Amino acid sequence: MQDFKNTVLRDARRIVGSPADYIDDPDQFAAAWAAMKAGRGQGFDPARLHPQHLVDRPGPAPEPTEQILARAGQKARAVIEAKSLTIRRHVA
C-alpha cells in the first residue's frame, strides 16, 4: 500500500512540477494537486482552483539572438562614429 501511495505522489509531483505540459488538461493537473494535498493530510476544494490560475499560455517567442546582437553592434558602431573613436584590433 505504501508503494502505491509513493507512486501516486511521485506522479503527482511530476505533473504539478511541469504545469505547461498539462495546460490543455486542467482536470489531470487538479487531480495531481488534490493527491499532493491528500498526501499531506490537507483538504482540497476544487472550486478554488480555477484553470486560469494554473498557467497562462506563453507569450510570443523573444526576438532571435542574431537580431539582438546585430542591433547592439549597429548601435555601438554609431556611437563610435559619433565620438570619432579609434578601434584597436587585438591580434592573438
N, C-alpha and C. Protein backbone atom coordinates (compact mmCIF):
# COMPACT_ATOMS: atom_id res chain seq x y z
N MET A 1 0.83 -1.19 0.00
CA MET A 1 0.00 0.00 0.00
C MET A 1 0.87 1.26 0.00
N GLN A 2 1.95 1.21 0.77
CA GLN A 2 2.85 2.36 0.85
C GLN A 2 3.50 2.64 -0.51
N ASP A 3 3.84 1.56 -1.26
CA ASP A 3 4.44 1.74 -2.58
C ASP A 3 3.47 2.44 -3.53
N PHE A 4 2.19 2.07 -3.46
CA PHE A 4 1.18 2.70 -4.31
C PHE A 4 1.07 4.19 -3.98
N LYS A 5 1.05 4.51 -2.69
CA LYS A 5 0.96 5.90 -2.26
C LYS A 5 2.17 6.69 -2.76
N ASN A 6 3.36 6.11 -2.64
CA ASN A 6 4.57 6.79 -3.11
C ASN A 6 4.54 6.99 -4.62
N THR A 7 4.03 6.00 -5.34
CA THR A 7 3.93 6.11 -6.80
C THR A 7 2.97 7.23 -7.19
N VAL A 8 1.82 7.29 -6.52
CA VAL A 8 0.84 8.34 -6.81
C VAL A 8 1.43 9.71 -6.52
N LEU A 9 2.10 9.85 -5.39
CA LEU A 9 2.69 11.15 -5.04
C LEU A 9 3.82 11.52 -6.00
N ARG A 10 4.61 10.55 -6.43
CA ARG A 10 5.69 10.83 -7.38
C ARG A 10 5.11 11.32 -8.71
N ASP A 11 4.05 10.64 -9.19
CA ASP A 11 3.41 11.07 -10.44
C ASP A 11 2.78 12.45 -10.28
N ALA A 12 2.17 12.69 -9.13
CA ALA A 12 1.54 14.00 -8.88
C ALA A 12 2.59 15.10 -8.87
N ARG A 13 3.73 14.86 -8.25
CA ARG A 13 4.81 15.87 -8.25
C ARG A 13 5.31 16.15 -9.66
N ARG A 14 5.39 15.11 -10.48
CA ARG A 14 5.84 15.29 -11.86
C ARG A 14 4.86 16.16 -12.63
N ILE A 15 3.58 15.93 -12.45
CA ILE A 15 2.55 16.70 -13.15
C ILE A 15 2.53 18.13 -12.65
N VAL A 16 2.51 18.32 -11.34
CA VAL A 16 2.45 19.67 -10.77
C VAL A 16 3.74 20.43 -11.04
N GLY A 17 4.84 19.72 -11.15
CA GLY A 17 6.13 20.37 -11.40
C GLY A 17 6.30 20.88 -12.81
N SER A 18 5.46 20.43 -13.73
CA SER A 18 5.54 20.91 -15.11
C SER A 18 4.14 21.23 -15.62
N PRO A 19 3.52 22.29 -15.10
CA PRO A 19 2.14 22.60 -15.46
C PRO A 19 1.96 22.92 -16.93
N ALA A 20 2.98 23.42 -17.60
CA ALA A 20 2.84 23.77 -19.02
C ALA A 20 2.56 22.53 -19.86
N ASP A 21 3.03 21.37 -19.42
CA ASP A 21 2.77 20.14 -20.17
C ASP A 21 1.31 19.70 -20.06
N TYR A 22 0.61 20.19 -19.06
CA TYR A 22 -0.78 19.78 -18.82
C TYR A 22 -1.74 20.96 -18.96
N ILE A 23 -1.33 21.98 -19.71
CA ILE A 23 -2.16 23.18 -19.84
C ILE A 23 -3.49 22.88 -20.54
N ASP A 24 -3.49 21.88 -21.41
CA ASP A 24 -4.73 21.53 -22.12
C ASP A 24 -5.56 20.50 -21.38
N ASP A 25 -5.08 20.04 -20.22
CA ASP A 25 -5.81 19.05 -19.43
C ASP A 25 -5.83 19.49 -17.96
N PRO A 26 -6.61 20.54 -17.65
CA PRO A 26 -6.61 21.06 -16.27
C PRO A 26 -7.16 20.06 -15.26
N ASP A 27 -8.00 19.10 -15.70
CA ASP A 27 -8.53 18.11 -14.76
C ASP A 27 -7.42 17.21 -14.22
N GLN A 28 -6.49 16.84 -15.08
CA GLN A 28 -5.38 16.00 -14.63
C GLN A 28 -4.49 16.77 -13.66
N PHE A 29 -4.27 18.06 -13.95
CA PHE A 29 -3.48 18.89 -13.04
C PHE A 29 -4.18 19.02 -11.69
N ALA A 30 -5.49 19.25 -11.71
CA ALA A 30 -6.25 19.39 -10.46
C ALA A 30 -6.22 18.09 -9.66
N ALA A 31 -6.31 16.94 -10.35
CA ALA A 31 -6.26 15.65 -9.65
C ALA A 31 -4.89 15.44 -9.00
N ALA A 32 -3.84 15.84 -9.70
CA ALA A 32 -2.50 15.71 -9.12
C ALA A 32 -2.35 16.62 -7.92
N TRP A 33 -2.89 17.83 -8.02
CA TRP A 33 -2.82 18.77 -6.90
C TRP A 33 -3.57 18.19 -5.70
N ALA A 34 -4.75 17.61 -5.95
CA ALA A 34 -5.54 17.01 -4.87
C ALA A 34 -4.78 15.85 -4.23
N ALA A 35 -4.09 15.05 -5.04
CA ALA A 35 -3.32 13.92 -4.49
C ALA A 35 -2.20 14.42 -3.60
N MET A 36 -1.54 15.50 -4.01
CA MET A 36 -0.46 16.04 -3.18
C MET A 36 -1.01 16.61 -1.87
N LYS A 37 -2.14 17.31 -1.94
CA LYS A 37 -2.75 17.85 -0.71
C LYS A 37 -3.16 16.70 0.22
N ALA A 38 -3.75 15.64 -0.35
CA ALA A 38 -4.17 14.49 0.47
C ALA A 38 -2.96 13.81 1.09
N GLY A 39 -1.86 13.76 0.37
CA GLY A 39 -0.64 13.16 0.90
C GLY A 39 -0.12 13.90 2.11
N ARG A 40 -0.43 15.18 2.20
CA ARG A 40 -0.01 15.98 3.37
C ARG A 40 -1.10 16.05 4.43
N GLY A 41 -2.23 15.36 4.18
CA GLY A 41 -3.32 15.37 5.14
C GLY A 41 -4.14 16.64 5.11
N GLN A 42 -4.08 17.37 4.00
CA GLN A 42 -4.82 18.62 3.87
C GLN A 42 -6.04 18.42 2.99
N GLY A 43 -7.03 19.25 3.21
CA GLY A 43 -8.22 19.22 2.38
C GLY A 43 -7.99 19.94 1.06
N PHE A 44 -8.90 19.71 0.11
CA PHE A 44 -8.77 20.33 -1.21
C PHE A 44 -10.15 20.72 -1.70
N ASP A 45 -10.31 21.98 -2.07
CA ASP A 45 -11.57 22.48 -2.62
C ASP A 45 -11.33 22.82 -4.09
N PRO A 46 -11.78 21.95 -5.01
CA PRO A 46 -11.51 22.20 -6.43
C PRO A 46 -12.16 23.47 -6.96
N ALA A 47 -13.18 23.98 -6.27
CA ALA A 47 -13.82 25.22 -6.72
C ALA A 47 -12.87 26.41 -6.61
N ARG A 48 -11.87 26.29 -5.76
CA ARG A 48 -10.92 27.41 -5.59
C ARG A 48 -9.76 27.35 -6.57
N LEU A 49 -9.63 26.26 -7.31
CA LEU A 49 -8.55 26.10 -8.27
C LEU A 49 -9.13 26.29 -9.67
N HIS A 50 -9.07 27.52 -10.15
CA HIS A 50 -9.63 27.84 -11.46
C HIS A 50 -8.57 27.63 -12.54
N PRO A 51 -8.97 27.19 -13.73
CA PRO A 51 -8.00 26.93 -14.80
C PRO A 51 -7.12 28.13 -15.13
N GLN A 52 -7.64 29.34 -15.08
CA GLN A 52 -6.81 30.49 -15.44
C GLN A 52 -5.69 30.73 -14.43
N HIS A 53 -5.80 30.12 -13.25
CA HIS A 53 -4.74 30.29 -12.26
C HIS A 53 -3.64 29.24 -12.40
N LEU A 54 -3.86 28.24 -13.24
CA LEU A 54 -2.85 27.19 -13.39
C LEU A 54 -1.62 27.73 -14.11
N VAL A 55 -1.79 28.07 -15.35
CA VAL A 55 -0.68 28.55 -16.17
C VAL A 55 -1.26 29.38 -17.30
N ASP A 56 -0.68 30.53 -17.54
CA ASP A 56 -1.06 31.30 -18.72
C ASP A 56 -0.27 30.76 -19.90
N ARG A 57 -0.88 30.81 -21.05
CA ARG A 57 -0.16 30.37 -22.25
C ARG A 57 1.05 31.27 -22.45
N PRO A 58 2.15 30.70 -22.89
CA PRO A 58 3.35 31.52 -23.09
C PRO A 58 3.13 32.57 -24.17
N GLY A 59 3.79 33.70 -23.99
CA GLY A 59 3.70 34.78 -24.96
C GLY A 59 4.50 34.46 -26.21
N PRO A 60 4.56 35.40 -27.12
CA PRO A 60 5.33 35.16 -28.34
C PRO A 60 6.81 34.97 -28.02
N ALA A 61 7.47 34.25 -28.87
CA ALA A 61 8.90 33.99 -28.66
C ALA A 61 9.67 35.30 -28.72
N PRO A 62 10.71 35.43 -27.91
CA PRO A 62 11.51 36.65 -27.94
C PRO A 62 12.25 36.77 -29.27
N GLU A 63 12.76 37.95 -29.49
CA GLU A 63 13.49 38.21 -30.72
C GLU A 63 14.71 37.28 -30.81
N PRO A 64 15.02 36.76 -31.99
CA PRO A 64 16.18 35.87 -32.12
C PRO A 64 17.48 36.56 -31.71
N THR A 65 18.39 35.79 -31.16
CA THR A 65 19.66 36.31 -30.66
C THR A 65 20.45 37.04 -31.74
N GLU A 66 20.42 36.52 -32.96
CA GLU A 66 21.18 37.15 -34.04
C GLU A 66 20.71 38.59 -34.27
N GLN A 67 19.40 38.80 -34.22
CA GLN A 67 18.87 40.16 -34.43
C GLN A 67 19.27 41.08 -33.28
N ILE A 68 19.26 40.57 -32.07
CA ILE A 68 19.64 41.38 -30.91
C ILE A 68 21.11 41.78 -31.03
N LEU A 69 21.98 40.81 -31.37
CA LEU A 69 23.41 41.11 -31.50
C LEU A 69 23.67 42.09 -32.64
N ALA A 70 22.97 41.94 -33.75
CA ALA A 70 23.15 42.86 -34.88
C ALA A 70 22.74 44.28 -34.49
N ARG A 71 21.61 44.40 -33.79
CA ARG A 71 21.14 45.72 -33.37
C ARG A 71 22.11 46.36 -32.38
N ALA A 72 22.63 45.57 -31.44
CA ALA A 72 23.60 46.10 -30.47
C ALA A 72 24.88 46.53 -31.18
N GLY A 73 25.32 45.75 -32.17
CA GLY A 73 26.51 46.11 -32.93
C GLY A 73 26.33 47.40 -33.71
N GLN A 74 25.15 47.57 -34.32
CA GLN A 74 24.87 48.80 -35.06
C GLN A 74 24.90 50.01 -34.13
N LYS A 75 24.32 49.85 -32.97
CA LYS A 75 24.30 50.96 -32.01
C LYS A 75 25.71 51.30 -31.55
N ALA A 76 26.52 50.28 -31.27
CA ALA A 76 27.90 50.52 -30.84
C ALA A 76 28.70 51.20 -31.95
N ARG A 77 28.54 50.76 -33.20
CA ARG A 77 29.25 51.40 -34.31
C ARG A 77 28.81 52.85 -34.48
N ALA A 78 27.52 53.13 -34.29
CA ALA A 78 27.03 54.51 -34.41
C ALA A 78 27.65 55.40 -33.34
N VAL A 79 27.75 54.90 -32.12
CA VAL A 79 28.36 55.68 -31.03
C VAL A 79 29.84 55.91 -31.32
N ILE A 80 30.53 54.90 -31.81
CA ILE A 80 31.95 55.03 -32.13
C ILE A 80 32.15 56.08 -33.21
N GLU A 81 31.32 56.05 -34.24
CA GLU A 81 31.42 57.04 -35.32
C GLU A 81 31.10 58.44 -34.80
N ALA A 82 30.07 58.57 -33.97
CA ALA A 82 29.66 59.88 -33.47
C ALA A 82 30.75 60.50 -32.60
N LYS A 83 31.47 59.69 -31.87
CA LYS A 83 32.52 60.20 -30.98
C LYS A 83 33.90 60.18 -31.64
N SER A 84 33.96 59.77 -32.89
CA SER A 84 35.21 59.68 -33.65
C SER A 84 36.28 58.89 -32.89
N LEU A 85 35.88 57.77 -32.35
CA LEU A 85 36.81 56.92 -31.61
C LEU A 85 37.57 56.02 -32.57
N THR A 86 38.77 55.64 -32.17
CA THR A 86 39.58 54.73 -32.96
C THR A 86 39.52 53.35 -32.32
N ILE A 87 39.28 52.36 -33.13
CA ILE A 87 39.19 50.98 -32.64
C ILE A 87 40.52 50.29 -32.88
N ARG A 88 41.08 49.74 -31.84
CA ARG A 88 42.31 48.96 -31.96
C ARG A 88 41.93 47.49 -32.00
N ARG A 89 42.42 46.81 -32.96
CA ARG A 89 42.14 45.38 -33.08
C ARG A 89 43.30 44.61 -32.46
N HIS A 90 42.97 43.70 -31.57
CA HIS A 90 43.99 42.89 -30.91
C HIS A 90 44.19 41.62 -31.72
N VAL A 91 45.43 41.33 -32.02
CA VAL A 91 45.75 40.11 -32.76
C VAL A 91 46.31 39.10 -31.76
N ALA A 92 45.72 37.96 -31.74
CA ALA A 92 46.15 36.93 -30.78
C ALA A 92 47.29 36.12 -31.32
